């Protein structure tokens, strides 16, 4: 049985010229943590660890990953790649309990899981989407991360790259950013559509009131109008309005939570993030369950390019009518590590055509943004 031999952690940071306004507070840097795994035969695979929040939380995750992965990865079997996330979760469970670090440890395990699947599919000479169930060459996509104060320039930029679907952030400021959303809607061209993301900012009372205001905008969906841990009855109360489809999932963690959300029927669009929980192993199962229950699977992703390309492969493998989320905010780590594939071709996001992810991330070309790079041998 071939075993993993080495793990490398690459920690990148890009300093923004102007802070990005979010519900969670200003973002001054765009970070990315990449995982590279190598097996005994020299095959390599790449993954990405979610690290957007809290501010400077990427430092913690990078240091934690290089300290806990070398021992944990010794339990991973490359002959059973779809058990990787669960194997790592169980291996690290006591540490998560002791430290109360369930989120960061799940994110680190998810990044390693993605790298294992990339490695195995490269070793087998097939694309990552084929490894996950169905080979694909392109997926539908939408432009995300549009800020109320920058919506005109961001929509115009992404429109120029071929996008016709745009997601604008709301839920903050005295007007919740709704006036800007209405203005963006009025400026749409024929065949374009708008999505709204409240980032968990509202109470049920406020969400009900704002949905009444938004119903005439013909939104594709309203994302996270409530906190992810709001009572299911609150989500059902919103769903009963039936004026706008509801979306959620990026802040759910654990298969039980996703099963509950799918069975409850309150949301129509499910959005697990492969770099935040589950990796490709866990999110493939969630996505298949969602599609089989008549829901739309749209992978959540806002990070560097490795996670984006892996998300595109998973979306293509699962099928359905979902769209790939592509960040429109300033982030050179996204464009660089996605092999420069943010521009659409004939309205679609085209995947690289090599084995695994389809390309090898260019770490040398991002050396000016590299904060740290650590290599460890994997304990057997």
Protein backbone atom coordinates (compact mmCIF):
# COMPACT_ATOMS: atom_id res chain seq x y z
CA UNK A 1 0.00 0.00 0.00
CA UNK A 2 1.43 3.37 -1.06
CA UNK A 3 1.71 5.84 1.81
CA UNK A 4 2.08 9.57 2.07
CA UNK A 5 5.67 10.69 2.66
CA UNK A 6 5.77 14.48 2.96
CA UNK A 7 3.52 17.49 3.61
CA UNK A 8 4.25 21.09 2.67
CA UNK A 9 2.33 24.15 3.87
CA UNK A 10 2.47 27.37 1.84
CA UNK A 11 1.09 30.47 3.57
CA UNK A 12 0.41 33.49 1.32
CA UNK A 13 -0.85 37.00 2.13
CA UNK A 14 -1.80 39.85 -0.17
CA UNK A 15 -2.20 43.33 1.36
CA UNK A 16 -5.22 45.14 -0.01
CA UNK A 17 -4.81 48.69 -1.29
CA UNK A 18 -8.16 49.52 0.31
CA UNK A 19 -9.82 47.46 3.10
CA UNK A 20 -12.80 45.37 2.07
CA UNK A 21 -15.97 46.13 4.05
CA UNK A 22 -17.79 43.05 5.34
CA UNK A 23 -20.37 42.25 8.00
CA UNK A 24 -17.55 40.65 10.03
CA UNK A 25 -15.47 43.83 9.90
CA UNK A 26 -12.85 45.31 7.54
CA UNK A 27 -10.61 42.90 5.63
CA UNK A 28 -7.10 44.27 5.12
CA UNK A 29 -5.42 41.16 3.63
CA UNK A 30 -6.38 38.29 1.35
CA UNK A 31 -4.70 35.12 2.66
CA UNK A 32 -4.36 31.60 1.27
CA UNK A 33 -2.92 28.42 2.78
CA UNK A 34 -2.04 25.67 0.32
CA UNK A 35 -1.33 22.05 1.24
CA UNK A 36 0.95 19.93 -0.92
CA UNK A 37 1.16 16.19 -0.21
CA UNK A 38 3.69 13.78 -1.71
CA UNK A 39 3.51 9.99 -1.67
CA UNK A 40 6.32 7.43 -1.60
CA UNK A 41 6.40 7.29 -5.40
CA UNK A 42 6.75 11.05 -5.83
CA UNK A 43 3.17 11.84 -6.86
CA UNK A 44 1.93 15.15 -5.50
CA UNK A 45 -1.48 16.63 -4.75
CA UNK A 46 -2.68 20.10 -3.81
CA UNK A 47 -5.38 21.37 -1.44
CA UNK A 48 -6.38 24.58 0.29
CA UNK A 49 -7.32 25.44 3.89
CA UNK A 50 -10.03 28.05 4.56
CA UNK A 51 -8.53 30.99 6.50
CA UNK A 52 -10.49 34.19 5.81
CA UNK A 53 -11.54 35.02 9.38
CA UNK A 54 -10.95 36.15 12.07
CA UNK A 55 -8.40 38.86 11.19
CA UNK A 56 -4.95 37.24 11.02
CA UNK A 57 -6.52 33.83 11.63
CA UNK A 58 -4.46 32.55 8.71
CA UNK A 59 -1.31 32.72 10.86
CA UNK A 60 -2.88 30.40 13.41
CA UNK A 61 -4.13 27.90 10.84
CA UNK A 62 -0.81 27.75 8.99
CA UNK A 63 1.12 27.07 12.20
CA UNK A 64 -1.47 24.60 13.46
CA UNK A 65 -1.49 22.70 10.16
CA UNK A 66 2.27 22.16 10.08
CA UNK A 67 2.18 20.94 13.69
CA UNK A 68 -0.75 18.52 13.52
CA UNK A 69 -0.83 17.16 9.95
CA UNK A 70 2.46 15.19 9.85
CA UNK A 71 1.28 12.78 12.56
CA UNK A 72 -2.38 12.67 11.51
CA UNK A 73 -1.67 11.96 7.83
CA UNK A 74 0.09 8.72 8.72
CA UNK A 75 -3.36 7.18 9.24
CA UNK A 76 -4.59 8.09 5.74
CA UNK A 77 -4.88 5.33 3.13
CA UNK A 78 -4.43 6.43 -0.47
CA UNK A 79 -6.36 3.30 -1.47
CA UNK A 80 -9.45 4.72 0.28
CA UNK A 81 -9.35 8.45 -0.54
CA UNK A 82 -13.05 9.04 0.20
CA UNK A 83 -12.42 8.15 3.84
CA UNK A 84 -9.69 10.79 4.22
CA UNK A 85 -11.66 13.56 5.90
CA UNK A 86 -13.34 11.24 8.38
CA UNK A 87 -10.02 9.52 9.13
CA UNK A 88 -8.37 12.87 9.89
CA UNK A 89 -11.37 14.13 11.86
CA UNK A 90 -11.29 11.08 14.12
CA UNK A 91 -7.50 11.24 14.46
CA UNK A 92 -7.71 14.88 15.57
CA UNK A 93 -10.93 14.68 17.57
CA UNK A 94 -9.37 14.68 21.03
CA UNK A 95 -7.21 17.66 20.14
CA UNK A 96 -10.28 19.54 18.90
CA UNK A 97 -12.09 18.74 22.16
CA UNK A 98 -9.13 19.75 24.32
CA UNK A 99 -8.51 23.04 22.50
CA UNK A 100 -12.06 23.88 21.44
CA UNK A 101 -10.68 24.23 17.90
CA UNK A 102 -13.31 22.33 15.91
CA UNK A 103 -13.53 24.89 13.10
CA UNK A 104 -9.80 25.35 12.38
CA UNK A 105 -9.09 21.62 12.68
CA UNK A 106 -11.95 20.75 10.32
CA UNK A 107 -10.58 23.34 7.86
CA UNK A 108 -7.09 21.84 8.03
CA UNK A 109 -8.47 18.31 7.55
CA UNK A 110 -10.55 19.57 4.60
CA UNK A 111 -7.52 21.07 2.86
CA UNK A 112 -5.57 17.83 3.29
CA UNK A 113 -8.54 15.82 1.98
CA UNK A 114 -8.59 17.90 -1.21
CA UNK A 115 -4.87 17.30 -1.68
CA UNK A 116 -5.32 13.52 -1.28
CA UNK A 117 -8.00 13.42 -4.00
CA UNK A 118 -5.86 15.53 -6.31
CA UNK A 119 -2.88 13.23 -5.72
CA UNK A 120 -4.88 10.04 -6.28
CA UNK A 121 -6.49 11.30 -9.48
CA UNK A 122 -3.09 12.43 -10.85
CA UNK A 123 -1.61 9.04 -9.93
CA UNK A 124 -4.45 7.29 -11.78
CA UNK A 125 -4.11 9.51 -14.84
CA UNK A 126 -7.61 11.03 -14.72
CA UNK A 127 -9.11 14.43 -14.02
CA UNK A 128 -10.35 15.29 -10.56
CA UNK A 129 -13.95 15.48 -11.80
CA UNK A 130 -13.68 12.00 -13.33
CA UNK A 131 -12.25 10.71 -10.05
CA UNK A 132 -15.23 12.24 -8.23
CA UNK A 133 -17.76 10.60 -10.50
CA UNK A 134 -18.15 12.35 -13.85
CA UNK A 135 -15.60 13.97 -16.14
CA UNK A 136 -16.45 17.54 -17.09
CA UNK A 137 -14.76 20.35 -18.99
CA UNK A 138 -16.76 23.43 -17.95
CA UNK A 139 -19.34 24.65 -15.43
CA UNK A 140 -21.68 27.60 -15.11
CA UNK A 141 -20.45 30.39 -12.83
CA UNK A 142 -21.43 33.62 -11.12
CA UNK A 143 -19.52 36.67 -9.88
CA UNK A 144 -19.53 37.00 -6.09
CA UNK A 145 -18.25 39.38 -3.39
CA UNK A 146 -19.77 42.53 -4.88
CA UNK A 147 -19.74 45.37 -2.33
CA UNK A 148 -22.52 47.96 -2.08
CA UNK A 149 -20.09 50.86 -2.43
CA UNK A 150 -18.29 49.29 -5.42
CA UNK A 151 -21.11 47.53 -7.22
CA UNK A 152 -20.90 49.57 -10.42
CA UNK A 153 -17.20 48.97 -11.06
CA UNK A 154 -17.25 45.35 -9.88
CA UNK A 155 -20.25 44.36 -11.99
CA UNK A 156 -18.79 46.11 -15.02
CA UNK A 157 -15.43 44.37 -14.55
CA UNK A 158 -16.97 40.91 -14.19
CA UNK A 159 -19.39 41.56 -17.03
CA UNK A 160 -16.33 42.24 -19.18
CA UNK A 161 -14.98 38.81 -18.19
CA UNK A 162 -18.14 37.13 -19.41
CA UNK A 163 -20.28 36.92 -16.26
CA UNK A 164 -24.04 37.42 -16.36
CA UNK A 165 -24.86 36.48 -12.76
CA UNK A 166 -23.82 38.72 -9.87
CA UNK A 167 -24.01 38.32 -6.08
CA UNK A 168 -24.03 41.52 -4.00
CA UNK A 169 -23.43 41.71 -0.27
CA UNK A 170 -26.14 43.30 1.90
CA UNK A 171 -26.97 43.28 5.61
CA UNK A 172 -24.87 46.20 6.89
CA UNK A 173 -25.20 49.97 7.04
CA UNK A 174 -28.29 51.98 7.99
CA UNK A 175 -30.17 50.79 4.89
CA UNK A 176 -28.71 47.24 4.91
CA UNK A 177 -27.24 48.04 1.49
CA UNK A 178 -30.65 47.52 -0.11
CA UNK A 179 -30.71 50.83 -2.00
CA UNK A 180 -27.50 49.84 -3.78
CA UNK A 181 -28.93 46.39 -4.48
CA UNK A 182 -32.02 47.97 -6.03
CA UNK A 183 -29.81 50.23 -8.14
CA UNK A 184 -27.72 47.28 -9.29
CA UNK A 185 -30.90 45.41 -10.23
CA UNK A 186 -32.14 48.36 -12.26
CA UNK A 187 -28.84 48.40 -14.17
CA UNK A 188 -28.88 44.76 -15.22
CA UNK A 189 -28.83 43.94 -18.92
CA UNK A 190 -31.05 41.42 -20.69
CA UNK A 191 -30.21 37.86 -19.62
CA UNK A 192 -28.46 38.92 -16.41
CA UNK A 193 -29.55 38.13 -12.85
CA UNK A 194 -28.78 39.23 -9.31
CA UNK A 195 -28.23 37.37 -6.02
CA UNK A 196 -28.20 38.89 -2.53
CA UNK A 197 -26.05 37.73 0.40
CA UNK A 198 -26.94 38.99 3.90
CA UNK A 199 -24.05 37.11 5.59
CA UNK A 200 -26.15 35.99 8.62
CA UNK A 201 -26.79 39.62 9.63
CA UNK A 202 -30.55 39.64 10.27
CA UNK A 203 -32.98 38.58 12.92
CA UNK A 204 -36.13 36.79 11.76
CA UNK A 205 -38.18 39.98 12.17
CA UNK A 206 -35.77 42.03 10.07
CA UNK A 207 -35.40 39.29 7.48
CA UNK A 208 -39.17 39.08 7.01
CA UNK A 209 -39.39 42.84 6.60
CA UNK A 210 -36.50 43.03 4.14
CA UNK A 211 -37.79 40.10 2.08
CA UNK A 212 -40.99 42.05 1.49
CA UNK A 213 -38.89 44.90 0.10
CA UNK A 214 -36.79 42.58 -2.06
CA UNK A 215 -39.54 40.48 -3.59
CA UNK A 216 -39.84 42.64 -6.74
CA UNK A 217 -36.14 42.34 -7.66
CA UNK A 218 -36.48 38.79 -9.02
CA UNK A 219 -33.41 37.58 -7.12
CA UNK A 220 -31.99 34.15 -7.98
CA UNK A 221 -31.69 33.56 -4.23
CA UNK A 222 -31.26 35.26 -0.86
CA UNK A 223 -28.21 33.88 0.94
CA UNK A 224 -27.90 33.51 4.73
CA UNK A 225 -30.61 35.99 5.76
CA UNK A 226 -30.34 34.38 9.23
CA UNK A 227 -27.43 33.00 11.28
CA UNK A 228 -26.55 29.43 10.37
CA UNK A 229 -27.54 28.28 13.87
CA UNK A 230 -30.92 30.05 13.89
CA UNK A 231 -33.82 27.72 14.85
CA UNK A 232 -35.14 25.75 11.91
CA UNK A 233 -38.60 27.20 12.59
CA UNK A 234 -37.19 30.66 11.76
CA UNK A 235 -35.85 29.40 8.44
CA UNK A 236 -39.18 27.73 7.70
CA UNK A 237 -41.03 30.97 8.50
CA UNK A 238 -38.93 32.73 5.85
CA UNK A 239 -39.37 29.91 3.37
CA UNK A 240 -43.15 30.08 3.73
CA UNK A 241 -43.05 33.57 2.21
CA UNK A 242 -42.00 31.81 -1.02
CA UNK A 243 -41.04 35.11 -2.63
CA UNK A 244 -37.28 34.44 -2.87
CA UNK A 245 -35.42 31.09 -2.78
CA UNK A 246 -33.18 30.76 0.30
CA UNK A 247 -29.55 29.63 0.26
CA UNK A 248 -27.17 28.53 3.03
CA UNK A 249 -24.50 25.98 3.90
CA UNK A 250 -21.08 27.64 4.00
CA UNK A 251 -21.32 27.93 7.80
CA UNK A 252 -22.76 24.51 8.51
CA UNK A 253 -20.37 21.91 9.90
CA UNK A 254 -20.94 18.18 10.21
CA UNK A 255 -22.95 15.72 8.15
CA UNK A 256 -25.81 15.80 10.68
CA UNK A 257 -26.21 19.56 10.20
CA UNK A 258 -26.36 19.20 6.42
CA UNK A 259 -28.76 16.26 6.60
CA UNK A 260 -31.02 18.30 8.87
CA UNK A 261 -30.93 21.28 6.53
CA UNK A 262 -31.70 19.12 3.49
CA UNK A 263 -34.58 17.27 5.12
CA UNK A 264 -36.15 20.39 6.66
CA UNK A 265 -36.88 21.84 3.23
CA UNK A 266 -36.38 25.50 4.18
CA UNK A 267 -33.52 26.20 1.78
CA UNK A 268 -33.47 25.58 -1.94
CA UNK A 269 -29.75 26.20 -2.61
CA UNK A 270 -27.14 24.29 -0.57
CA UNK A 271 -23.61 25.72 -0.37
CA UNK A 272 -21.00 23.63 1.47
CA UNK A 273 -17.42 24.93 1.26
CA UNK A 274 -14.87 22.19 0.52
CA UNK A 275 -12.06 24.14 2.24
CA UNK A 276 -14.07 24.82 5.38
CA UNK A 277 -15.61 21.44 6.21
CA UNK A 278 -15.54 17.98 4.67
CA UNK A 279 -13.10 18.53 1.84
CA UNK A 280 -14.10 16.73 -1.35
CA UNK A 281 -15.04 13.56 0.55
CA UNK A 282 -17.66 15.15 2.79
CA UNK A 283 -19.01 17.72 0.34
CA UNK A 284 -19.46 15.17 -2.46
CA UNK A 285 -21.82 13.23 -0.18
CA UNK A 286 -23.71 16.41 0.80
CA UNK A 287 -23.98 17.62 -2.80
CA UNK A 288 -25.33 14.28 -4.04
CA UNK A 289 -27.91 14.19 -1.24
CA UNK A 290 -29.01 17.73 -2.02
CA UNK A 291 -29.40 17.15 -5.76
CA UNK A 292 -31.29 13.89 -5.19
CA UNK A 293 -33.70 15.84 -2.97
CA UNK A 294 -34.43 18.40 -5.67
CA UNK A 295 -32.13 21.13 -4.33
CA UNK A 296 -29.52 23.14 -6.21
CA UNK A 297 -25.89 22.58 -5.25
CA UNK A 298 -23.74 25.72 -5.57
CA UNK A 299 -20.34 25.33 -3.90
CA UNK A 300 -19.36 28.21 -1.66
CA UNK A 301 -15.84 29.48 -2.15
CA UNK A 302 -13.92 32.68 -1.38
CA UNK A 303 -10.19 32.00 -1.13
CA UNK A 304 -7.23 31.17 -3.34
CA UNK A 305 -7.33 29.49 -6.73
CA UNK A 306 -6.69 25.87 -5.71
CA UNK A 307 -9.95 25.68 -3.77
CA UNK A 308 -11.78 27.36 -6.64
CA UNK A 309 -10.62 24.84 -9.25
CA UNK A 310 -11.32 21.91 -6.91
CA UNK A 311 -14.83 23.30 -6.30
CA UNK A 312 -15.39 23.53 -10.06
CA UNK A 313 -14.41 19.88 -10.49
CA UNK A 314 -16.83 18.84 -7.75
CA UNK A 315 -19.67 20.89 -9.23
CA UNK A 316 -19.08 19.31 -12.61
CA UNK A 317 -18.91 15.81 -11.16
CA UNK A 318 -22.18 16.20 -9.24
CA UNK A 319 -24.13 17.78 -12.07
CA UNK A 320 -27.41 19.59 -11.56
CA UNK A 321 -28.12 23.22 -12.32
CA UNK A 322 -25.71 24.87 -9.86
CA UNK A 323 -23.22 27.68 -10.44
CA UNK A 324 -19.59 28.10 -9.39
CA UNK A 325 -18.88 31.04 -7.06
CA UNK A 326 -16.05 33.27 -8.35
CA UNK A 327 -14.89 36.21 -6.20
CA UNK A 328 -14.90 39.62 -7.88
CA UNK A 329 -13.01 41.44 -5.10
CA UNK A 330 -9.29 42.22 -5.23
CA UNK A 331 -7.43 38.94 -4.75
CA UNK A 332 -4.41 38.06 -6.93
CA UNK A 333 -4.10 34.74 -5.06
CA UNK A 334 -7.37 33.68 -6.68
CA UNK A 335 -6.41 34.46 -10.26
CA UNK A 336 -2.80 33.27 -9.91
CA UNK A 337 -3.55 29.92 -8.27
CA UNK A 338 -6.51 29.15 -10.52
CA UNK A 339 -4.13 29.03 -13.49
CA UNK A 340 -5.52 32.37 -14.68
CA UNK A 341 -8.95 30.92 -15.50
CA UNK A 342 -11.33 33.52 -14.05
CA UNK A 343 -12.47 34.78 -17.46
CA UNK A 344 -15.42 32.81 -18.87
CA UNK A 345 -15.49 31.23 -22.31
CA UNK A 346 -18.86 31.18 -24.06
CA UNK A 347 -20.44 31.93 -20.69
CA UNK A 348 -18.78 28.99 -18.89
CA UNK A 349 -15.90 28.51 -16.47
CA UNK A 350 -13.50 26.16 -18.29
CA UNK A 351 -11.53 23.64 -16.24
CA UNK A 352 -7.87 22.84 -16.89
CA UNK A 353 -7.58 19.66 -18.96
CA UNK A 354 -4.71 17.83 -17.23
CA UNK A 355 -4.81 15.12 -14.57
CA UNK A 356 -6.12 15.91 -11.09
CA UNK A 357 -6.83 19.63 -10.77
CA UNK A 358 -5.50 19.89 -14.31
CA UNK A 359 -2.43 22.00 -13.58
CA UNK A 360 0.35 22.44 -11.03
CA UNK A 361 0.03 25.62 -8.90
CA UNK A 362 2.83 28.09 -9.66
CA UNK A 363 4.34 28.71 -6.24
CA UNK A 364 7.38 30.50 -7.67
CA UNK A 365 5.23 33.09 -9.41
CA UNK A 366 3.64 34.15 -6.13
CA UNK A 367 6.89 34.41 -4.16
CA UNK A 368 6.28 38.10 -3.38
CA UNK A 369 3.14 37.11 -1.43
CA UNK A 370 4.62 34.05 0.32
CA UNK A 371 4.74 34.55 4.07
CA UNK A 372 5.97 31.09 5.08
CA UNK A 373 6.72 27.67 3.64
CA UNK A 374 7.23 24.62 5.85
CA UNK A 375 7.95 20.99 4.95
CA UNK A 376 7.56 17.99 7.26
CA UNK A 377 8.01 14.25 6.84
CA UNK A 378 4.83 12.30 7.64
CA UNK A 379 5.02 10.05 10.69
CA UNK A 380 4.16 6.42 9.88
